[in-house]
């Protein structure tokens, strides 16, 4: 029923304590975007599974944290993507 994936959205993420203890938590250099991508990548590198459970349902009010200042949101988004790719190039 679960599907192995490369990453999951942080708004609906459950992480085992053992994963955090082994790889550490979110990289604080990522602000608002790509932090879950980075965490999932590190978990997979440490041989943990990242899975998606299709029947699960979560209501996420997307972009509520950043909707007030659209230009700033775009800066955070692109800065985080650049930081991620630089980290793993």
Protein backbone atom coordinates (compact mmCIF):
# COMPACT_ATOMS: atom_id res chain seq x y z
CA UNK A 1 0.00 0.00 0.00
CA UNK A 2 2.88 2.44 0.67
CA UNK A 3 4.99 3.69 -2.21
CA UNK A 4 8.70 4.41 -2.01
CA UNK A 5 9.43 7.97 -3.16
CA UNK A 6 12.40 10.35 -3.23
CA UNK A 7 10.82 12.92 -0.91
CA UNK A 8 7.56 13.95 0.74
CA UNK A 9 6.06 17.34 1.54
CA UNK A 10 7.07 18.59 4.97
CA UNK A 11 3.53 19.73 5.81
CA UNK A 12 2.47 16.08 6.05
CA UNK A 13 5.63 14.33 7.14
CA UNK A 14 6.05 11.78 9.91
CA UNK A 15 9.64 10.92 10.84
CA UNK A 16 10.85 8.22 13.18
CA UNK A 17 12.86 9.44 16.13
CA UNK A 18 15.64 7.01 15.17
CA UNK A 19 16.02 8.77 11.81
CA UNK A 20 16.46 12.16 13.47
CA UNK A 21 18.87 10.69 16.01
CA UNK A 22 20.95 9.17 13.21
CA UNK A 23 21.00 11.94 10.58
CA UNK A 24 20.06 15.02 12.60
CA UNK A 25 17.04 17.22 12.09
CA UNK A 26 16.25 19.80 9.47
CA UNK A 27 19.20 21.77 8.15
CA UNK A 28 18.52 25.26 9.49
CA UNK A 29 20.25 26.88 6.52
CA UNK A 30 17.09 26.11 4.54
CA UNK A 31 14.34 28.57 5.35
CA UNK A 32 10.84 27.53 4.34
CA UNK A 33 11.70 25.67 1.15
CA UNK A 34 13.66 22.48 0.38
CA UNK A 35 14.18 21.54 4.02
CA UNK A 36 12.08 18.40 3.61
CA UNK A 37 13.84 17.56 0.35
CA UNK A 38 17.18 17.74 2.16
CA UNK A 39 15.97 15.67 5.13
CA UNK A 40 14.55 12.96 2.86
CA UNK A 41 17.74 12.85 0.81
CA UNK A 42 19.87 12.39 3.93
CA UNK A 43 17.49 9.73 5.27
CA UNK A 44 17.72 7.76 2.03
CA UNK A 45 21.51 8.11 2.03
CA UNK A 46 21.44 6.52 5.50
CA UNK A 47 19.35 3.62 4.13
CA UNK A 48 16.01 4.70 5.56
CA UNK A 49 12.89 4.45 3.42
CA UNK A 50 10.88 7.49 2.39
CA UNK A 51 7.33 6.43 1.64
CA UNK A 52 4.04 7.88 0.49
CA UNK A 53 0.77 6.47 1.83
CA UNK A 54 -1.92 7.34 -0.77
CA UNK A 55 -4.99 6.84 1.47
CA UNK A 56 -3.73 9.44 3.98
CA UNK A 57 -5.41 12.84 3.78
CA UNK A 58 -4.05 16.10 5.17
CA UNK A 59 -5.51 19.58 4.84
CA UNK A 60 -2.67 22.01 4.21
CA UNK A 61 -3.35 25.71 3.77
CA UNK A 62 -0.57 26.16 1.24
CA UNK A 63 1.59 29.28 1.35
CA UNK A 64 -0.04 30.71 4.49
CA UNK A 65 3.40 31.27 6.04
CA UNK A 66 4.63 33.32 3.12
CA UNK A 67 1.62 34.79 1.34
CA UNK A 68 2.00 38.34 2.63
CA UNK A 69 5.22 39.22 0.78
CA UNK A 70 5.31 37.46 -2.58
CA UNK A 71 8.69 38.85 -3.64
CA UNK A 72 10.28 37.63 -0.40
CA UNK A 73 8.68 34.21 -0.87
CA UNK A 74 10.23 33.93 -4.32
CA UNK A 75 13.64 34.88 -2.93
CA UNK A 76 13.38 32.23 -0.19
CA UNK A 77 12.20 29.61 -2.68
CA UNK A 78 14.98 30.16 -5.21
CA UNK A 79 17.66 30.64 -2.55
CA UNK A 80 16.72 27.34 -0.93
CA UNK A 81 16.74 25.48 -4.25
CA UNK A 82 20.17 26.92 -5.08
CA UNK A 83 21.45 26.00 -1.60
CA UNK A 84 20.17 22.42 -2.01
CA UNK A 85 21.80 21.90 -5.41
CA UNK A 86 25.05 23.47 -4.22
CA UNK A 87 25.08 21.22 -1.15
CA UNK A 88 24.76 18.04 -3.24
CA UNK A 89 26.55 18.92 -6.48
